Amino acid sequence: MATSFDTTLANLGVKRTSTASANTATKESSSAMDQSDFLTLMTAQMKNQDPFDPVDNTQMVAQMAQFSSLAGISEMNTTLQAIAAKLGATSTADMVSWVGRTVLTEGAVAYPRTDGSLGGVIELGADASEVNVVIEGPNGEILKSVSLGAAKAGPMDFEWDGTTDTGEAAGSGPFTIRVAAQNADGDQITAKPLVWAPVTSVAMGSDGNPLLTLPGIGQVSTTAIRKIG
């Protein structure tokens, strides 16, 4: 009967054998040579033993058990390598699935939706008596100033309809989001903008986590993603 471990290996497409995922013929030959060497040495030991003082059975069993243990470790290493290869392939497939998705991450540069509007989130480090958002154009010009009033510490959504203070369409961007917030005493508090951005490409980072390329922001790790649209 297959064990749960065998079932897991089967689901990954890995066979639980000493050749489950042999990377090269050299490794297979090396493994076979190790077994052959052991049997040769064991046979020579039995042939040349003193008939009046033969090898103790306990010692013989211990030697065989030691070899069996080493063979088991070798098989386990090979199996783990096969699992790692499968998981690596799965990770690559997961990376591809990010492309085309819209994600929310920390950043100040954003592009509008197809209707010209733009949305995002502001993270407040403390309760605020006043939160103000300024939208700047590609050349740093102020397009829109929005007062969001008082808000509690934590995330708060904001929306911009894509029009300037004069009522004109702001265009296709990119736009820069500036946030300023103060508490009841008039002191400035931490306020970070988070913006929605489409994933245009994905690469594997040095830490093993996918790096998402976002227009206007650059590469960010998936660990920096707050939401997926």
C-alpha atoms as a PDB file:
ATOM      1  CA  MET A   1       0.000   0.000   0.000  1.00  0.00           C
ATOM      2  CA  ALA A   2       1.373   3.415  -0.913  1.00  0.00           C
ATOM      3  CA  THR A   3       2.174   5.693   1.976  1.00  0.00           C
ATOM      4  CA  SER A   4       1.148   9.354   2.156  1.00  0.00           C
ATOM      5  CA  PHE A   5       4.755  10.190   1.250  1.00  0.00           C
ATOM      6  CA  ASP A   6       4.521   7.954  -1.821  1.00  0.00           C
ATOM      7  CA  THR A   7       1.245   9.661  -2.756  1.00  0.00           C
ATOM      8  CA  THR A   8       2.858  13.088  -2.450  1.00  0.00           C
ATOM      9  CA  LEU A   9       5.728  11.982  -4.683  1.00  0.00           C
ATOM     10  CA  ALA A  10       3.257  10.575  -7.201  1.00  0.00           C
ATOM     11  CA  ASN A  11       1.369  13.880  -7.292  1.00  0.00           C
ATOM     12  CA  LEU A  12       4.650  15.624  -8.055  1.00  0.00           C
ATOM     13  CA  GLY A  13       5.443  13.075 -10.741  1.00  0.00           C
ATOM     14  CA  VAL A  14       8.487  11.745  -8.869  1.00  0.00           C
ATOM     15  CA  LYS A  15       9.269   8.034  -8.554  1.00  0.00           C
ATOM     16  CA  ARG A  16      10.584   6.836  -5.218  1.00  0.00           C
ATOM     17  CA  THR A  17      13.554   4.895  -6.562  1.00  0.00           C
ATOM     18  CA  SER A  18      17.298   5.285  -6.489  1.00  0.00           C
ATOM     19  CA  THR A  19      17.056   6.599 -10.054  1.00  0.00           C
ATOM     20  CA  ALA A  20      14.058   8.861  -9.428  1.00  0.00           C
ATOM     21  CA  SER A  21      15.806  11.881 -10.800  1.00  0.00           C
ATOM     22  CA  ALA A  22      19.354  10.946 -11.743  1.00  0.00           C
ATOM     23  CA  ASN A  23      20.882  14.061 -13.190  1.00  0.00           C
ATOM     24  CA  THR A  24      23.621  12.313 -15.147  1.00  0.00           C
ATOM     25  CA  ALA A  25      24.743   8.829 -16.131  1.00  0.00           C
ATOM     26  CA  THR A  26      27.873   9.456 -14.090  1.00  0.00           C
ATOM     27  CA  LYS A  27      25.876   9.608 -10.859  1.00  0.00           C
ATOM     28  CA  GLU A  28      24.121   6.341 -11.682  1.00  0.00           C
ATOM     29  CA  SER A  29      27.450   4.653 -12.453  1.00  0.00           C
ATOM     30  CA  SER A  30      28.947   6.016  -9.242  1.00  0.00           C
ATOM     31  CA  SER A  31      26.035   4.628  -7.210  1.00  0.00           C
ATOM     32  CA  ALA A  32      26.311   1.222  -8.897  1.00  0.00           C
ATOM     33  CA  MET A  33      30.082   1.159  -8.324  1.00  0.00           C
ATOM     34  CA  ASP A  34      29.590   1.851  -4.627  1.00  0.00           C
ATOM     35  CA  GLN A  35      27.272  -1.159  -4.293  1.00  0.00           C
ATOM     36  CA  SER A  36      29.604  -3.362  -6.352  1.00  0.00           C
ATOM     37  CA  ASP A  37      32.596  -2.308  -4.265  1.00  0.00           C
ATOM     38  CA  PHE A  38      30.763  -3.171  -1.064  1.00  0.00           C
ATOM     39  CA  LEU A  39      29.757  -6.626  -2.315  1.00  0.00           C
ATOM     40  CA  THR A  40      33.305  -7.285  -3.571  1.00  0.00           C
ATOM     41  CA  LEU A  41      34.810  -6.336  -0.238  1.00  0.00           C
ATOM     42  CA  MET A  42      32.217  -8.378   1.646  1.00  0.00           C
ATOM     43  CA  THR A  43      32.885 -11.453  -0.531  1.00  0.00           C
ATOM     44  CA  ALA A  44      36.665 -11.079  -0.173  1.00  0.00           C
ATOM     45  CA  GLN A  45      36.284 -10.770   3.572  1.00  0.00           C
ATOM     46  CA  MET A  46      34.282 -14.001   3.747  1.00  0.00           C
ATOM     47  CA  LYS A  47      36.694 -15.900   1.452  1.00  0.00           C
ATOM     48  CA  ASN A  48      39.795 -14.847   3.349  1.00  0.00           C
ATOM     49  CA  GLN A  49      38.490 -15.104   6.871  1.00  0.00           C
ATOM     50  CA  ASP A  50      40.167 -17.472   9.317  1.00  0.00           C
ATOM     51  CA  PRO A  51      37.981 -20.608   9.443  1.00  0.00           C
ATOM     52  CA  PHE A  52      38.958 -21.015  13.092  1.00  0.00           C
ATOM     53  CA  ASP A  53      38.068 -17.405  13.828  1.00  0.00           C
ATOM     54  CA  PRO A  54      35.305 -16.393  11.372  1.00  0.00           C
ATOM     55  CA  VAL A  55      33.785 -12.927  11.202  1.00  0.00           C
ATOM     56  CA  ASP A  56      31.275 -12.444  13.959  1.00  0.00           C
ATOM     57  CA  ASN A  57      27.668 -12.534  12.701  1.00  0.00           C
ATOM     58  CA  THR A  58      26.864  -9.384  14.657  1.00  0.00           C
ATOM     59  CA  GLN A  59      29.720  -7.545  12.949  1.00  0.00           C
ATOM     60  CA  MET A  60      28.566  -8.793   9.541  1.00  0.00           C
ATOM     61  CA  VAL A  61      24.996  -7.597  10.164  1.00  0.00           C
ATOM     62  CA  ALA A  62      26.294  -4.214  11.371  1.00  0.00           C
ATOM     63  CA  GLN A  63      28.297  -3.752   8.159  1.00  0.00           C
ATOM     64  CA  MET A  64      25.290  -4.629   6.017  1.00  0.00           C
ATOM     65  CA  ALA A  65      23.062  -2.289   8.026  1.00  0.00           C
ATOM     66  CA  GLN A  66      25.576   0.534   7.589  1.00  0.00           C
ATOM     67  CA  PHE A  67      25.644   0.048   3.839  1.00  0.00           C
ATOM     68  CA  SER A  68      21.842  -0.105   3.719  1.00  0.00           C
ATOM     69  CA  SER A  69      21.689   3.177   5.634  1.00  0.00           C
ATOM     70  CA  LEU A  70      24.096   4.862   3.222  1.00  0.00           C
ATOM     71  CA  ALA A  71      22.133   3.549   0.244  1.00  0.00           C
ATOM     72  CA  GLY A  72      18.939   4.901   1.799  1.00  0.00           C
ATOM     73  CA  ILE A  73      20.494   8.330   2.272  1.00  0.00           C
ATOM     74  CA  SER A  74      21.640   8.323  -1.347  1.00  0.00           C
ATOM     75  CA  GLU A  75      18.129   7.415  -2.492  1.00  0.00           C
ATOM     76  CA  MET A  76      16.634  10.122  -0.290  1.00  0.00           C
ATOM     77  CA  ASN A  77      19.001  12.758  -1.702  1.00  0.00           C
ATOM     78  CA  THR A  78      18.112  11.748  -5.242  1.00  0.00           C
ATOM     79  CA  THR A  79      14.405  11.875  -4.439  1.00  0.00           C
ATOM     80  CA  LEU A  80      14.719  15.309  -2.821  1.00  0.00           C
ATOM     81  CA  GLN A  81      16.553  16.590  -5.896  1.00  0.00           C
ATOM     82  CA  ALA A  82      13.668  15.374  -8.039  1.00  0.00           C
ATOM     83  CA  ILE A  83      11.161  17.108  -5.758  1.00  0.00           C
ATOM     84  CA  ALA A  84      13.176  20.349  -5.899  1.00  0.00           C
ATOM     85  CA  ALA A  85      13.196  20.207  -9.701  1.00  0.00           C
ATOM     86  CA  LYS A  86       9.425  19.726  -9.765  1.00  0.00           C
ATOM     87  CA  LEU A  87       8.850  22.585  -7.341  1.00  0.00           C
ATOM     88  CA  GLY A  88      11.134  24.797  -9.402  1.00  0.00           C
ATOM     89  CA  ALA A  89       9.018  24.117 -12.484  1.00  0.00           C
ATOM     90  CA  THR A  90       5.877  24.896 -10.492  1.00  0.00           C
ATOM     91  CA  SER A  91       7.411  28.181  -9.320  1.00  0.00           C
ATOM     92  CA  THR A  92       8.117  29.170 -12.929  1.00  0.00           C
ATOM     93  CA  ALA A  93       4.510  28.459 -13.877  1.00  0.00           C
ATOM     94  CA  ASP A  94       3.330  30.547 -10.932  1.00  0.00           C
ATOM     95  CA  MET A  95       5.547  33.408 -12.094  1.00  0.00           C
ATOM     96  CA  VAL A  96       3.960  33.442 -15.542  1.00  0.00           C
ATOM     97  CA  SER A  97       0.493  33.644 -13.984  1.00  0.00           C
ATOM     98  CA  TRP A  98       1.349  37.094 -12.543  1.00  0.00           C
ATOM     99  CA  VAL A  99       1.682  38.732 -15.971  1.00  0.00           C
ATOM    100  CA  GLY A 100      -1.371  40.819 -16.833  1.00  0.00           C
ATOM    101  CA  ARG A 101      -2.633  40.973 -13.247  1.00  0.00           C
ATOM    102  CA  THR A 102      -3.162  44.310 -11.490  1.00  0.00           C
ATOM    103  CA  VAL A 103      -1.567  44.610  -8.068  1.00  0.00           C
ATOM    104  CA  LEU A 104      -1.535  47.100  -5.211  1.00  0.00           C
ATOM    105  CA  THR A 105       1.884  48.031  -3.872  1.00  0.00           C
ATOM    106  CA  GLU A 106       3.718  50.908  -2.235  1.00  0.00           C
ATOM    107  CA  GLY A 107       4.623  53.538  -4.805  1.00  0.00           C
ATOM    108  CA  ALA A 108       4.027  57.141  -5.818  1.00  0.00           C
ATOM    109  CA  VAL A 109       3.787  56.785  -9.613  1.00  0.00           C
ATOM    110  CA  ALA A 110       0.579  55.542 -11.217  1.00  0.00           C
ATOM    111  CA  TYR A 111      -1.171  55.290 -14.561  1.00  0.00           C
ATOM    112  CA  PRO A 112      -4.918  55.915 -14.973  1.00  0.00           C
ATOM    113  CA  ARG A 113      -7.581  53.384 -15.859  1.00  0.00           C
ATOM    114  CA  THR A 114      -9.017  53.293 -19.365  1.00  0.00           C
ATOM    115  CA  ASP A 115     -11.653  55.866 -18.343  1.00  0.00           C
ATOM    116  CA  GLY A 116      -8.958  58.258 -17.074  1.00  0.00           C
ATOM    117  CA  SER A 117      -9.674  57.768 -13.371  1.00  0.00           C
ATOM    118  CA  LEU A 118      -7.177  56.588 -10.790  1.00  0.00           C
ATOM    119  CA  GLY A 119      -7.481  54.870  -7.433  1.00  0.00           C
ATOM    120  CA  GLY A 120      -5.206  53.837  -4.632  1.00  0.00           C
ATOM    121  CA  VAL A 121      -4.704  53.512  -0.907  1.00  0.00           C
ATOM    122  CA  ILE A 122      -3.060  55.729   1.699  1.00  0.00           C
ATOM    123  CA  GLU A 123      -1.468  54.123   4.742  1.00  0.00           C
ATOM    124  CA  LEU A 124      -1.521  56.349   7.818  1.00  0.00           C
ATOM    125  CA  GLY A 125       0.909  55.743  10.660  1.00  0.00           C
ATOM    126  CA  ALA A 126      -1.434  57.397  13.176  1.00  0.00           C
ATOM    127  CA  ASP A 127      -4.868  58.990  13.432  1.00  0.00           C
ATOM    128  CA  ALA A 128      -5.069  62.075  11.223  1.00  0.00           C
ATOM    129  CA  SER A 129      -7.216  65.163  11.564  1.00  0.00           C
ATOM    130  CA  GLU A 130      -6.515  66.103   7.946  1.00  0.00           C
ATOM    131  CA  VAL A 131      -5.290  64.136   4.922  1.00  0.00           C
ATOM    132  CA  ASN A 132      -4.460  65.858   1.645  1.00  0.00           C
ATOM    133  CA  VAL A 133      -3.569  64.271  -1.687  1.00  0.00           C
ATOM    134  CA  VAL A 134      -1.887  66.129  -4.542  1.00  0.00           C
ATOM    135  CA  ILE A 135      -1.780  64.681  -8.070  1.00  0.00           C
ATOM    136  CA  GLU A 136       1.143  65.854 -10.200  1.00  0.00           C
ATOM    137  CA  GLY A 137       1.585  65.501 -13.942  1.00  0.00           C
ATOM    138  CA  PRO A 138       4.570  64.083 -15.873  1.00  0.00           C
ATOM    139  CA  ASN A 139       6.429  67.401 -15.601  1.00  0.00           C
ATOM    140  CA  GLY A 140       5.734  67.928 -11.906  1.00  0.00           C
ATOM    141  CA  GLU A 141       2.832  70.319 -12.436  1.00  0.00           C
ATOM    142  CA  ILE A 142       0.001  70.159  -9.888  1.00  0.00           C
ATOM    143  CA  LEU A 143      -3.122  68.812 -11.563  1.00  0.00           C
ATOM    144  CA  LYS A 144      -5.425  68.162  -8.638  1.00  0.00           C
ATOM    145  CA  SER A 145      -5.524  68.775  -4.882  1.00  0.00           C
ATOM    146  CA  VAL A 146      -7.926  66.636  -2.864  1.00  0.00           C
ATOM    147  CA  SER A 147      -8.791  66.958   0.838  1.00  0.00           C
ATOM    148  CA  LEU A 148      -9.876  63.652   2.372  1.00  0.00           C
ATOM    149  CA  GLY A 149     -10.568  65.031   5.855  1.00  0.00           C
ATOM    150  CA  ALA A 150      -9.939  63.088   9.063  1.00  0.00           C
ATOM    151  CA  ALA A 151      -9.076  59.389   9.105  1.00  0.00           C
ATOM    152  CA  LYS A 152      -8.020  56.652  11.501  1.00  0.00           C
ATOM    153  CA  ALA A 153      -4.574  55.054  11.441  1.00  0.00           C
ATOM    154  CA  GLY A 154      -4.180  52.341   8.820  1.00  0.00           C
ATOM    155  CA  PRO A 155      -5.218  52.084   5.166  1.00  0.00           C
ATOM    156  CA  MET A 156      -7.789  54.337   3.525  1.00  0.00           C
ATOM    157  CA  ASP A 157      -8.949  54.263  -0.092  1.00  0.00           C
ATOM    158  CA  PHE A 158      -8.868  57.287  -2.375  1.00  0.00           C
ATOM    159  CA  GLU A 159     -10.257  57.912  -5.848  1.00  0.00           C
ATOM    160  CA  TRP A 160      -9.543  60.555  -8.480  1.00  0.00           C
ATOM    161  CA  ASP A 161     -11.797  61.044 -11.495  1.00  0.00           C
ATOM    162  CA  GLY A 162      -8.915  62.031 -13.770  1.00  0.00           C
ATOM    163  CA  THR A 163      -9.805  65.710 -14.103  1.00  0.00           C
ATOM    164  CA  THR A 164      -7.692  68.700 -13.090  1.00  0.00           C
ATOM    165  CA  ASP A 165      -8.663  71.478 -10.699  1.00  0.00           C
ATOM    166  CA  THR A 166      -9.955  73.358 -13.770  1.00  0.00           C
ATOM    167  CA  GLY A 167     -12.147  70.434 -14.847  1.00  0.00           C
ATOM    168  CA  GLU A 168     -10.047  69.308 -17.808  1.00  0.00           C
ATOM    169  CA  ALA A 169      -8.996  65.726 -18.533  1.00  0.00           C
ATOM    170  CA  ALA A 170      -5.555  65.152 -17.041  1.00  0.00           C
ATOM    171  CA  GLY A 171      -4.401  62.791 -19.785  1.00  0.00           C
ATOM    172  CA  SER A 172      -2.668  59.421 -19.745  1.00  0.00           C
ATOM    173  CA  GLY A 173       0.003  60.125 -17.146  1.00  0.00           C
ATOM    174  CA  PRO A 174       2.119  58.918 -15.556  1.00  0.00           C
ATOM    175  CA  PHE A 175       0.977  60.749 -12.434  1.00  0.00           C
ATOM    176  CA  THR A 176       2.778  61.211  -9.129  1.00  0.00           C
ATOM    177  CA  ILE A 177       0.831  60.908  -5.880  1.00  0.00           C
ATOM    178  CA  ARG A 178       1.882  63.192  -3.013  1.00  0.00           C
ATOM    179  CA  VAL A 179       0.318  62.712   0.409  1.00  0.00           C
ATOM    180  CA  ALA A 180       0.451  64.948   3.479  1.00  0.00           C
ATOM    181  CA  ALA A 181      -1.289  64.243   6.786  1.00  0.00           C
ATOM    182  CA  GLN A 182      -1.310  65.831  10.219  1.00  0.00           C
ATOM    183  CA  ASN A 183      -2.715  64.984  13.632  1.00  0.00           C
ATOM    184  CA  ALA A 184      -4.931  67.059  15.908  1.00  0.00           C
ATOM    185  CA  ASP A 185      -1.879  68.935  17.222  1.00  0.00           C
ATOM    186  CA  GLY A 186      -0.871  69.973  13.723  1.00  0.00           C
ATOM    187  CA  ASP A 187       2.136  67.643  13.604  1.00  0.00           C
ATOM    188  CA  GLN A 188       2.936  65.774  10.404  1.00  0.00           C
ATOM    189  CA  ILE A 189       2.377  62.017  10.533  1.00  0.00           C
ATOM    190  CA  THR A 190       3.600  59.208   8.289  1.00  0.00           C
ATOM    191  CA  ALA A 191       1.435  58.759   5.206  1.00  0.00           C
ATOM    192  CA  LYS A 192       2.443  56.427   2.352  1.00  0.00           C
ATOM    193  CA  PRO A 193       0.668  56.108  -1.001  1.00  0.00           C
ATOM    194  CA  LEU A 194      -0.083  52.678  -2.451  1.00  0.00           C
ATOM    195  CA  VAL A 195      -1.027  52.464  -6.110  1.00  0.00           C
ATOM    196  CA  TRP A 196      -2.524  49.926  -8.486  1.00  0.00           C
ATOM    197  CA  ALA A 197      -0.289  48.841 -11.349  1.00  0.00           C
ATOM    198  CA  PRO A 198      -0.353  46.129 -14.044  1.00  0.00           C
ATOM    199  CA  VAL A 199       2.330  43.423 -14.070  1.00  0.00           C
ATOM    200  CA  THR A 200       4.148  43.590 -17.407  1.00  0.00           C
ATOM    201  CA  SER A 201       6.839  40.950 -16.800  1.00  0.00           C
ATOM    202  CA  VAL A 202       8.247  38.652 -14.118  1.00  0.00           C
ATOM    203  CA  ALA A 203      11.778  37.540 -13.221  1.00  0.00           C
ATOM    204  CA  MET A 204      13.176  35.296 -10.494  1.00  0.00           C
ATOM    205  CA  GLY A 205      14.914  37.207  -7.706  1.00  0.00           C
ATOM    206  CA  SER A 206      18.121  36.111  -5.979  1.00  0.00           C
ATOM    207  CA  ASP A 207      16.094  35.149  -2.898  1.00  0.00           C
ATOM    208  CA  GLY A 208      13.894  32.800  -4.922  1.00  0.00           C
ATOM    209  CA  ASN A 209      10.874  35.111  -4.893  1.00  0.00           C
ATOM    210  CA  PRO A 210       9.455  36.397  -8.194  1.00  0.00           C
ATOM    211  CA  LEU A 211      10.169  40.042  -9.068  1.00  0.00           C
ATOM    212  CA  LEU A 212       7.269  41.821 -10.757  1.00  0.00           C
ATOM    213  CA  THR A 213       7.909  44.655 -13.205  1.00  0.00           C
ATOM    214  CA  LEU A 214       5.375  47.465 -12.722  1.00  0.00           C
ATOM    215  CA  PRO A 215       5.159  50.536 -15.013  1.00  0.00           C
ATOM    216  CA  GLY A 216       6.438  53.671 -13.293  1.00  0.00           C
ATOM    217  CA  ILE A 217       7.593  51.720 -10.232  1.00  0.00           C
ATOM    218  CA  GLY A 218      10.097  49.160 -11.453  1.00  0.00           C
ATOM    219  CA  GLN A 219      10.714  45.701 -10.011  1.00  0.00           C
ATOM    220  CA  VAL A 220       9.067  44.725  -6.738  1.00  0.00           C
ATOM    221  CA  SER A 221       9.016  41.407  -4.900  1.00  0.00           C
ATOM    222  CA  THR A 222       5.757  39.523  -4.528  1.00  0.00           C
ATOM    223  CA  THR A 223       6.218  39.964  -0.774  1.00  0.00           C
ATOM    224  CA  ALA A 224       5.576  43.710  -1.303  1.00  0.00           C
ATOM    225  CA  ILE A 225       2.185  43.122  -2.932  1.00  0.00           C
ATOM    226  CA  ARG A 226      -0.732  44.142  -0.701  1.00  0.00           C
ATOM    227  CA  LYS A 227      -3.624  43.123  -2.962  1.00  0.00           C
ATOM    228  CA  ILE A 228      -4.246  41.515  -6.332  1.00  0.00           C
ATOM    229  CA  GLY A 229      -6.922  43.018  -8.554  1.00  0.00           C
END
